[in-house]
Amino acid sequence: MDAIEARVRAPSAPWKSKIHVMNYRLRLAWAAALLGCGNATLVTVHAQEPRVRARALGVSPGIFAPGTNNAITDVAGVLVGQKTVVIGDSVHTGITAILPHAGNMFFDRVPAAVFVGNAFGKLVGATQVKELGELETPILLTCTLCVWRAADALTAELLAMPGMERVRSINPVVGETNDGSLNAIRSRPVSPADVHDALNAAASGPVAEGSVGAGTGTIAFQWKGGIGTSSRVLPAKLGGWTVGVLVQTNFGGVLQVLGAPVGRELGRYAYRSDVEPAPGDGSVMIVVATDAPLSDRNLERLASRAMMGLARTGSSESNGSGDYVIAFSTAEQVRRKVNVSNDGQENRTPVLLNTSELRNDDMSPLFEAVIESTEEAIYNSLFMATPVTYRGHTMDAIPLDRVRAILQKYNVSRR
């Protein structure tokens, strides 16, 4: 196949709009799936093995069915926008934005929680989320040294929104993984325009995966990592709730797929005795969304179970790994609306929150759903990733033909 060049333009509509132009979404999904690129980026792609999601390989973890798109956007109201930043063969990074809803989150907050598996990382805004149990901004994912630039740009975007003229404090939430092996990270290449484009591109529907957005320069299990997503829908008798997960994978360990020792069979894994010791350092950001009406306390419990899905793939949360989970609920019954007076200032008169939340006894099916979704999202990030060349060195994508053979050898594929 000859080299292909494609440019995907971000829509002109405001990022907070609920509905984006359909043909843009279709073009974005097509281009991202075919080229492994994000929005508004010129890329060159050479002949390579077609990439497919986990289910096309017969890898469907667990017992619950996925949603329509098998993505975090299956949770009603959740939007995802991405901007891939590629400059020559040295800059490979980007922004991935997750919006719990399309409104002004500062005035219409969602309950949220953070769970930390291993804290060798940066998650701007985490302490306030943990203290107050709520999100007041979208969530951004990016590269390690881009975190503060992204947070500053997100703050500027939000302060410029109508009705925010009197706001004097805001808590941007930005997470990261270190893509410095495939990205000129010291140049801190993410700009305010990139943040704006990612927010502006936020949409429901299919989500681009692999070497896109914040996953453009990441590495997982010594193969090209990236962005992955998955979802589960509970049966009606268990509440009918949806759980969606999006991951940014950049960590190591000993890869296993449905228990099959894929990493060992492929000869790439941590602590190989015949090569230089590799402890499996790296990081993963996991974002969990649900429409189940959960308090921040039960969202933290839900977030902690995502680590079980991570463990199933072969991660050991090594010393140098930053493993974070952010979970939120989009349910109207648990929203925290800020009481604002006519002049735009917050009304300090005491207000009782009237919420209706799921009881503890009904949480277990959601725990299973988040474990399954996290595991599959990680597989999708690997299987959909495309190779990236950094200053003459190419990080290969995991070879799917060999993965198929290993799954068949260990009789774990459901195809």
Protein backbone atom coordinates (compact mmCIF):
# COMPACT_ATOMS: atom_id res chain seq x y z
CA MET A 1 0.00 0.00 0.00
CA ASP A 2 1.29 3.43 -0.86
CA ALA A 3 1.72 5.97 1.91
CA ILE A 4 -1.57 7.60 2.80
CA GLU A 5 -2.00 11.17 3.92
CA ALA A 6 -5.21 12.43 5.48
CA ARG A 7 -6.27 15.53 7.39
CA VAL A 8 -9.28 15.52 9.68
CA ARG A 9 -10.61 18.96 10.56
CA ALA A 10 -12.13 19.69 13.94
CA PRO A 11 -15.71 21.03 13.83
CA SER A 12 -16.34 24.73 14.28
CA ALA A 13 -19.13 24.22 16.84
CA PRO A 14 -18.34 25.02 20.51
CA TRP A 15 -16.90 22.07 22.44
CA LYS A 16 -19.74 22.21 24.92
CA SER A 17 -22.39 21.69 22.23
CA LYS A 18 -24.39 18.50 22.71
CA ILE A 19 -24.64 17.65 19.03
CA HIS A 20 -21.84 17.70 16.49
CA VAL A 21 -22.11 17.42 12.75
CA MET A 22 -22.67 13.77 11.87
CA ASN A 23 -20.42 13.67 8.84
CA TYR A 24 -17.54 14.95 10.97
CA ARG A 25 -17.98 12.10 13.42
CA LEU A 26 -18.09 9.56 10.63
CA ARG A 27 -14.98 11.02 9.02
CA LEU A 28 -13.19 11.10 12.37
CA ALA A 29 -14.09 7.49 13.20
CA TRP A 30 -13.05 6.33 9.73
CA ALA A 31 -9.78 8.23 9.71
CA ALA A 32 -8.84 7.30 13.26
CA ALA A 33 -9.57 3.62 12.70
CA LEU A 34 -7.72 3.50 9.38
CA LEU A 35 -4.82 5.78 10.14
CA GLY A 36 -4.42 5.51 13.89
CA CYS A 37 -4.52 9.29 14.12
CA GLY A 38 -6.37 11.94 16.09
CA ASN A 39 -8.04 15.17 15.08
CA ALA A 40 -6.52 17.94 12.99
CA THR A 41 -3.24 16.10 12.44
CA LEU A 42 -1.33 15.36 9.25
CA VAL A 43 0.04 11.84 9.40
CA THR A 44 1.72 9.37 7.09
CA VAL A 45 0.86 5.69 7.43
CA HIS A 46 2.65 2.86 5.65
CA ALA A 47 1.51 -0.67 4.93
CA GLN A 48 0.89 -2.62 8.10
CA GLU A 49 -1.17 -5.43 9.53
CA PRO A 50 -4.84 -4.42 9.83
CA ARG A 51 -5.67 -3.56 13.42
CA VAL A 52 -8.79 -4.90 15.07
CA ARG A 53 -10.42 -4.66 18.47
CA ALA A 54 -10.25 -7.47 21.01
CA ARG A 55 -13.61 -9.01 20.11
CA ALA A 56 -12.52 -9.53 16.51
CA LEU A 57 -9.89 -11.88 17.96
CA GLY A 58 -12.44 -13.70 20.08
CA VAL A 59 -11.33 -11.86 23.23
CA SER A 60 -14.46 -10.92 25.15
CA PRO A 61 -13.70 -10.89 28.88
CA GLY A 62 -16.41 -11.68 31.38
CA ILE A 63 -20.11 -12.40 31.26
CA PHE A 64 -21.86 -9.07 30.63
CA ALA A 65 -22.59 -7.67 27.18
CA PRO A 66 -21.00 -4.44 25.94
CA GLY A 67 -22.96 -1.37 24.93
CA THR A 68 -23.65 -0.28 21.35
CA ASN A 69 -20.14 1.07 20.71
CA ASN A 70 -18.35 -0.93 23.40
CA ALA A 71 -16.98 2.40 24.60
CA ILE A 72 -17.14 4.81 27.52
CA THR A 73 -19.54 6.90 25.41
CA ASP A 74 -22.16 4.18 25.84
CA VAL A 75 -22.83 5.87 29.16
CA ALA A 76 -25.47 8.40 28.11
CA GLY A 77 -24.16 11.95 27.98
CA VAL A 78 -20.44 11.12 28.07
CA LEU A 79 -18.38 12.73 25.30
CA VAL A 80 -14.79 12.05 24.20
CA GLY A 81 -12.60 14.33 22.09
CA GLN A 82 -9.00 13.81 21.04
CA LYS A 83 -6.19 15.76 19.45
CA THR A 84 -3.09 13.99 18.18
CA VAL A 85 0.11 16.06 18.05
CA VAL A 86 2.74 14.74 15.65
CA ILE A 87 5.70 16.83 14.48
CA GLY A 88 8.24 15.09 12.29
CA ASP A 89 9.58 11.93 13.86
CA SER A 90 10.25 13.44 17.29
CA VAL A 91 6.90 14.64 18.70
CA HIS A 92 4.24 12.00 19.27
CA THR A 93 1.74 13.00 21.93
CA GLY A 94 -1.69 14.57 22.33
CA ILE A 95 -4.77 15.25 24.39
CA THR A 96 -7.73 13.02 25.21
CA ALA A 97 -10.70 14.80 26.79
CA ILE A 98 -13.53 13.06 28.65
CA LEU A 99 -16.66 15.09 29.41
CA PRO A 100 -19.27 13.62 31.79
CA HIS A 101 -21.90 15.78 30.10
CA ALA A 102 -22.16 18.60 27.56
CA GLY A 103 -23.21 21.35 29.97
CA ASN A 104 -21.19 23.69 32.16
CA MET A 105 -19.66 21.29 34.65
CA PHE A 106 -18.69 24.03 37.09
CA PHE A 107 -22.36 24.72 37.82
CA ASP A 108 -23.63 21.19 37.17
CA ARG A 109 -21.12 18.94 38.91
CA VAL A 110 -21.02 15.15 39.00
CA PRO A 111 -19.99 12.98 41.96
CA ALA A 112 -16.55 11.52 41.46
CA ALA A 113 -13.76 9.65 43.19
CA VAL A 114 -10.08 8.89 42.70
CA PHE A 115 -8.40 5.60 43.53
CA VAL A 116 -4.61 5.33 43.50
CA GLY A 117 -2.96 2.00 42.77
CA ASN A 118 0.60 3.34 42.76
CA ALA A 119 1.24 7.08 42.97
CA PHE A 120 4.36 7.49 40.83
CA GLY A 121 2.60 10.02 38.61
CA LYS A 122 0.82 13.34 38.30
CA LEU A 123 -2.92 13.79 38.58
CA VAL A 124 -3.66 17.49 38.83
CA GLY A 125 -6.80 18.24 40.84
CA ALA A 126 -6.94 14.85 42.57
CA THR A 127 -6.87 16.16 46.14
CA GLN A 128 -9.94 18.36 45.69
CA VAL A 129 -11.85 15.55 43.98
CA LYS A 130 -10.98 13.32 46.90
CA GLU A 131 -11.97 15.96 49.46
CA LEU A 132 -15.27 17.12 47.90
CA GLY A 133 -16.20 14.00 45.96
CA GLU A 134 -17.10 15.84 42.77
CA LEU A 135 -15.84 16.92 39.34
CA GLU A 136 -16.27 20.50 38.18
CA THR A 137 -14.32 20.25 34.91
CA PRO A 138 -13.79 17.75 32.09
CA ILE A 139 -10.95 15.25 32.51
CA LEU A 140 -7.89 15.64 30.30
CA LEU A 141 -5.20 13.02 29.65
CA THR A 142 -1.82 13.95 28.16
CA CYS A 143 1.95 13.46 28.55
CA THR A 144 3.82 13.92 31.83
CA LEU A 145 5.52 17.25 31.15
CA CYS A 146 2.42 18.56 29.37
CA VAL A 147 0.15 18.28 32.42
CA TRP A 148 0.50 21.85 33.67
CA ARG A 149 0.15 23.41 30.22
CA ALA A 150 -2.98 21.34 29.64
CA ALA A 151 -4.39 22.30 33.04
CA ASP A 152 -3.74 25.99 32.40
CA ALA A 153 -5.37 25.79 28.96
CA LEU A 154 -8.39 23.93 30.35
CA THR A 155 -8.79 26.58 33.04
CA ALA A 156 -8.68 29.34 30.43
CA GLU A 157 -11.28 27.55 28.29
CA LEU A 158 -13.67 27.22 31.21
CA LEU A 159 -13.21 30.75 32.58
CA ALA A 160 -14.07 32.10 29.12
CA MET A 161 -17.45 30.36 29.08
CA PRO A 162 -20.62 32.45 29.53
CA GLY A 163 -21.63 32.79 33.17
CA MET A 164 -18.09 32.23 34.50
CA GLU A 165 -17.15 35.91 34.75
CA ARG A 166 -17.14 35.94 38.57
CA VAL A 167 -15.46 32.57 39.13
CA ARG A 168 -12.23 32.92 41.12
CA SER A 169 -11.34 29.26 41.72
CA ILE A 170 -11.53 26.21 39.51
CA ASN A 171 -10.16 22.67 39.80
CA PRO A 172 -8.96 21.31 36.42
CA VAL A 173 -8.39 17.55 36.43
CA VAL A 174 -5.51 16.40 34.23
CA GLY A 175 -3.78 13.02 34.27
CA GLU A 176 -0.74 11.72 32.42
CA THR A 177 1.58 8.95 31.45
CA ASN A 178 5.20 9.42 30.40
CA ASP A 179 5.59 9.03 26.62
CA GLY A 180 9.20 10.23 26.62
CA SER A 181 10.48 7.10 24.86
CA LEU A 182 8.56 8.05 21.71
CA ASN A 183 8.08 11.78 22.21
CA ALA A 184 10.33 14.82 22.59
CA ILE A 185 8.69 15.31 25.96
CA ARG A 186 11.04 18.06 27.18
CA SER A 187 9.67 20.34 24.48
CA ARG A 188 6.29 20.12 26.22
CA PRO A 189 4.59 20.24 22.83
CA VAL A 190 0.93 20.47 23.88
CA SER A 191 -0.54 23.93 23.28
CA PRO A 192 -3.75 25.73 24.33
CA ALA A 193 -4.98 25.24 20.77
CA ASP A 194 -4.57 21.47 21.16
CA VAL A 195 -6.66 21.50 24.32
CA HIS A 196 -9.29 23.63 22.60
CA ASP A 197 -9.40 21.25 19.62
CA ALA A 198 -9.79 18.17 21.83
CA LEU A 199 -12.64 19.78 23.76
CA ASN A 200 -14.20 21.05 20.55
CA ALA A 201 -14.11 17.54 19.05
CA ALA A 202 -15.86 15.92 22.02
CA ALA A 203 -18.67 13.70 20.79
CA SER A 204 -20.64 10.60 21.61
CA GLY A 205 -20.45 7.43 19.52
CA PRO A 206 -17.33 5.46 18.51
CA VAL A 207 -14.03 6.41 20.14
CA ALA A 208 -10.73 6.27 18.23
CA GLU A 209 -8.25 3.88 19.89
CA GLY A 210 -4.59 3.01 19.76
CA SER A 211 -1.96 5.57 18.73
CA VAL A 212 -4.24 8.56 19.06
CA GLY A 213 -4.64 11.52 21.41
CA ALA A 214 -2.91 11.01 24.74
CA GLY A 215 -1.95 7.51 23.61
CA THR A 216 0.04 8.60 20.56
CA GLY A 217 3.46 8.01 22.15
CA THR A 218 2.75 5.45 24.85
CA ILE A 219 4.17 1.94 25.25
CA ALA A 220 2.50 -1.01 27.00
CA PHE A 221 3.99 -4.43 27.73
CA GLN A 222 6.96 -3.44 25.51
CA TRP A 223 4.66 -2.96 22.51
CA LYS A 224 2.95 0.18 21.24
CA GLY A 225 0.22 1.14 23.70
CA GLY A 226 -2.40 3.85 23.50
CA ILE A 227 -6.03 4.71 24.12
CA GLY A 228 -8.55 1.91 24.63
CA THR A 229 -12.15 1.77 25.72
CA SER A 230 -14.92 -0.70 26.51
CA SER A 231 -18.29 -0.89 28.25
CA ARG A 232 -20.74 -3.26 29.90
CA VAL A 233 -24.52 -3.08 30.28
CA LEU A 234 -26.08 -4.87 33.24
CA PRO A 235 -29.20 -6.98 32.68
CA ALA A 236 -32.46 -5.27 33.64
CA LYS A 237 -32.87 -7.48 36.70
CA LEU A 238 -29.53 -6.13 37.98
CA GLY A 239 -30.49 -2.51 37.36
CA GLY A 240 -29.74 -2.12 33.65
CA TRP A 241 -26.92 0.33 34.41
CA THR A 242 -24.04 0.97 32.00
CA VAL A 243 -20.37 1.11 32.97
CA GLY A 244 -17.79 2.49 30.54
CA VAL A 245 -14.01 2.64 30.80
CA LEU A 246 -11.32 4.53 28.88
CA VAL A 247 -7.61 3.84 29.42
CA GLN A 248 -4.29 5.44 28.50
CA THR A 249 -1.83 2.52 28.62
CA ASN A 250 1.88 3.08 29.17
CA PHE A 251 2.95 0.36 31.59
CA GLY A 252 4.73 -2.98 31.68
CA GLY A 253 4.56 -6.41 33.21
CA VAL A 254 3.90 -9.85 31.78
CA LEU A 255 1.06 -9.61 29.28
CA GLN A 256 -1.66 -12.20 29.51
CA VAL A 257 -4.86 -12.27 27.46
CA LEU A 258 -7.73 -14.20 29.03
CA GLY A 259 -5.04 -16.03 30.97
CA ALA A 260 -2.96 -17.00 27.95
CA PRO A 261 0.72 -16.08 28.50
CA VAL A 262 1.02 -13.85 25.43
CA GLY A 263 3.96 -11.82 26.69
CA ARG A 264 5.96 -14.89 27.58
CA GLU A 265 5.18 -16.58 24.27
CA LEU A 266 6.20 -13.46 22.32
CA GLY A 267 9.40 -13.09 24.35
CA ARG A 268 8.65 -9.57 25.62
CA TYR A 269 7.97 -9.26 29.30
CA ALA A 270 9.38 -7.87 32.53
CA TYR A 271 12.20 -9.64 34.37
CA ARG A 272 13.32 -11.89 31.49
CA SER A 273 16.29 -13.75 32.93
CA ASP A 274 18.33 -13.64 29.71
CA VAL A 275 18.13 -9.90 29.09
CA GLU A 276 18.67 -6.65 30.96
CA PRO A 277 16.19 -6.61 33.88
CA ALA A 278 13.08 -4.59 33.05
CA PRO A 279 10.82 -3.97 36.06
CA GLY A 280 7.76 -3.09 34.01
CA ASP A 281 7.71 0.56 34.99
CA GLY A 282 5.22 2.90 33.37
CA SER A 283 1.75 4.21 34.07
CA VAL A 284 -1.90 3.81 33.28
CA MET A 285 -4.77 6.25 33.54
CA ILE A 286 -8.22 4.67 33.87
CA VAL A 287 -11.41 6.73 33.58
CA VAL A 288 -14.64 5.04 34.66
CA ALA A 289 -18.11 6.38 33.88
CA THR A 290 -21.49 5.02 34.89
CA ASP A 291 -25.12 6.08 34.78
CA ALA A 292 -25.80 4.24 38.03
CA PRO A 293 -26.70 6.79 40.75
CA LEU A 294 -23.65 6.41 42.99
CA SER A 295 -22.27 8.54 45.78
CA ASP A 296 -18.59 9.47 45.68
CA ARG A 297 -18.04 6.83 48.38
CA ASN A 298 -19.35 4.03 46.21
CA LEU A 299 -17.61 5.51 43.17
CA GLU A 300 -14.34 5.07 45.02
CA ARG A 301 -15.26 1.45 45.65
CA LEU A 302 -16.06 1.06 41.95
CA ALA A 303 -12.75 2.69 40.98
CA SER A 304 -10.79 0.31 43.19
CA ARG A 305 -12.20 -2.68 41.29
CA ALA A 306 -10.79 -1.34 38.02
CA MET A 307 -7.40 -2.36 39.41
CA MET A 308 -8.56 -5.96 39.28
CA GLY A 309 -9.14 -5.61 35.55
CA LEU A 310 -5.66 -4.10 35.22
CA ALA A 311 -4.16 -7.03 37.13
CA ARG A 312 -5.85 -9.54 34.83
CA THR A 313 -3.80 -8.21 31.91
CA GLY A 314 -0.48 -8.85 33.67
CA SER A 315 0.42 -5.57 35.35
CA SER A 316 2.08 -5.71 38.77
CA GLU A 317 1.88 -1.94 39.47
CA SER A 318 5.64 -1.61 39.69
CA ASN A 319 7.50 0.98 41.75
CA GLY A 320 7.85 3.40 38.84
CA SER A 321 4.25 3.15 37.70
CA GLY A 322 1.56 5.77 38.19
CA ASP A 323 -1.72 3.86 38.25
CA TYR A 324 -4.78 6.06 38.77
CA VAL A 325 -8.52 5.59 38.40
CA ILE A 326 -11.05 8.42 38.18
CA ALA A 327 -14.69 7.36 38.40
CA PHE A 328 -17.83 9.49 38.04
CA SER A 329 -21.60 9.10 37.79
CA THR A 330 -23.70 10.92 35.22
CA ALA A 331 -27.02 10.14 36.96
CA GLU A 332 -29.26 13.18 37.46
CA GLN A 333 -30.29 11.86 40.87
CA VAL A 334 -26.82 12.54 42.28
CA ARG A 335 -25.80 15.76 40.51
CA ARG A 336 -24.41 18.61 42.61
CA LYS A 337 -25.79 21.82 41.12
CA VAL A 338 -24.20 25.06 42.29
CA ASN A 339 -26.71 27.60 43.56
CA VAL A 340 -26.02 30.82 41.62
CA SER A 341 -27.73 34.16 42.18
CA ASN A 342 -28.92 36.47 39.40
CA ASP A 343 -25.62 38.39 39.33
CA GLY A 344 -23.65 35.20 38.65
CA GLN A 345 -22.26 34.78 42.16
CA GLU A 346 -22.59 31.60 44.18
CA ASN A 347 -25.40 31.82 46.70
CA ARG A 348 -24.00 31.00 50.14
CA THR A 349 -27.40 30.30 51.67
CA PRO A 350 -27.37 26.72 52.99
CA VAL A 351 -28.96 24.25 50.56
CA LEU A 352 -29.91 20.64 51.21
CA LEU A 353 -28.93 18.17 48.49
CA ASN A 354 -31.77 15.84 47.60
CA THR A 355 -30.09 12.81 46.08
CA SER A 356 -31.14 9.24 45.50
CA GLU A 357 -28.31 6.75 45.34
CA LEU A 358 -27.85 3.04 44.86
CA ARG A 359 -27.49 1.05 48.06
CA ASN A 360 -24.35 -0.89 48.95
CA ASP A 361 -26.02 -4.26 48.43
CA ASP A 362 -26.56 -3.48 44.73
CA MET A 363 -22.94 -2.63 43.93
CA SER A 364 -21.53 -6.08 43.18
CA PRO A 365 -22.74 -6.33 39.55
CA LEU A 366 -21.17 -2.94 38.87
CA PHE A 367 -17.88 -4.20 40.32
CA GLU A 368 -17.91 -7.11 37.87
CA ALA A 369 -18.78 -4.76 34.99
CA VAL A 370 -15.88 -2.39 35.66
CA ILE A 371 -13.39 -5.27 35.95
CA GLU A 372 -14.49 -6.67 32.59
CA SER A 373 -14.54 -3.25 30.90
CA THR A 374 -11.08 -2.32 32.17
CA GLU A 375 -9.54 -5.58 31.03
CA GLU A 376 -11.03 -5.29 27.53
CA ALA A 377 -10.18 -1.59 27.20
CA ILE A 378 -6.51 -2.42 27.83
CA TYR A 379 -6.55 -5.14 25.18
CA ASN A 380 -8.17 -2.71 22.74
CA SER A 381 -5.45 -0.14 23.38
CA LEU A 382 -2.82 -2.69 22.36
CA PHE A 383 -4.62 -4.36 19.47
CA MET A 384 -5.65 -1.06 17.85
CA ALA A 385 -2.25 0.61 18.27
CA THR A 386 -0.12 1.28 15.20
CA PRO A 387 3.71 1.49 15.07
CA VAL A 388 5.37 4.81 15.87
CA THR A 389 8.88 5.80 14.76
CA TYR A 390 10.84 8.14 17.01
CA ARG A 391 14.13 9.48 15.67
CA GLY A 392 14.74 6.39 13.58
CA HIS A 393 13.58 3.85 16.17
CA THR A 394 10.23 2.15 15.60
CA MET A 395 8.09 0.83 18.43
CA ASP A 396 6.16 -2.06 16.90
CA ALA A 397 2.51 -2.79 17.45
CA ILE A 398 1.81 -6.20 18.92
CA PRO A 399 1.59 -8.75 16.04
CA LEU A 400 -2.06 -9.83 15.90
CA ASP A 401 -1.41 -12.92 13.78
CA ARG A 402 0.85 -14.27 16.51
CA VAL A 403 -1.64 -13.27 19.20
CA ARG A 404 -4.34 -15.25 17.36
CA ALA A 405 -2.08 -18.30 17.25
CA ILE A 406 -1.31 -18.05 20.98
CA LEU A 407 -4.98 -17.72 21.88
CA GLN A 408 -5.74 -20.80 19.79
CA LYS A 409 -2.84 -22.70 21.35
CA TYR A 410 -4.22 -22.09 24.82
CA ASN A 411 -7.83 -22.53 23.71
CA VAL A 412 -9.06 -19.24 25.14
CA SER A 413 -10.41 -17.50 22.02
CA ARG A 414 -14.21 -17.46 21.78
CA ARG A 415 -14.23 -17.47 17.98
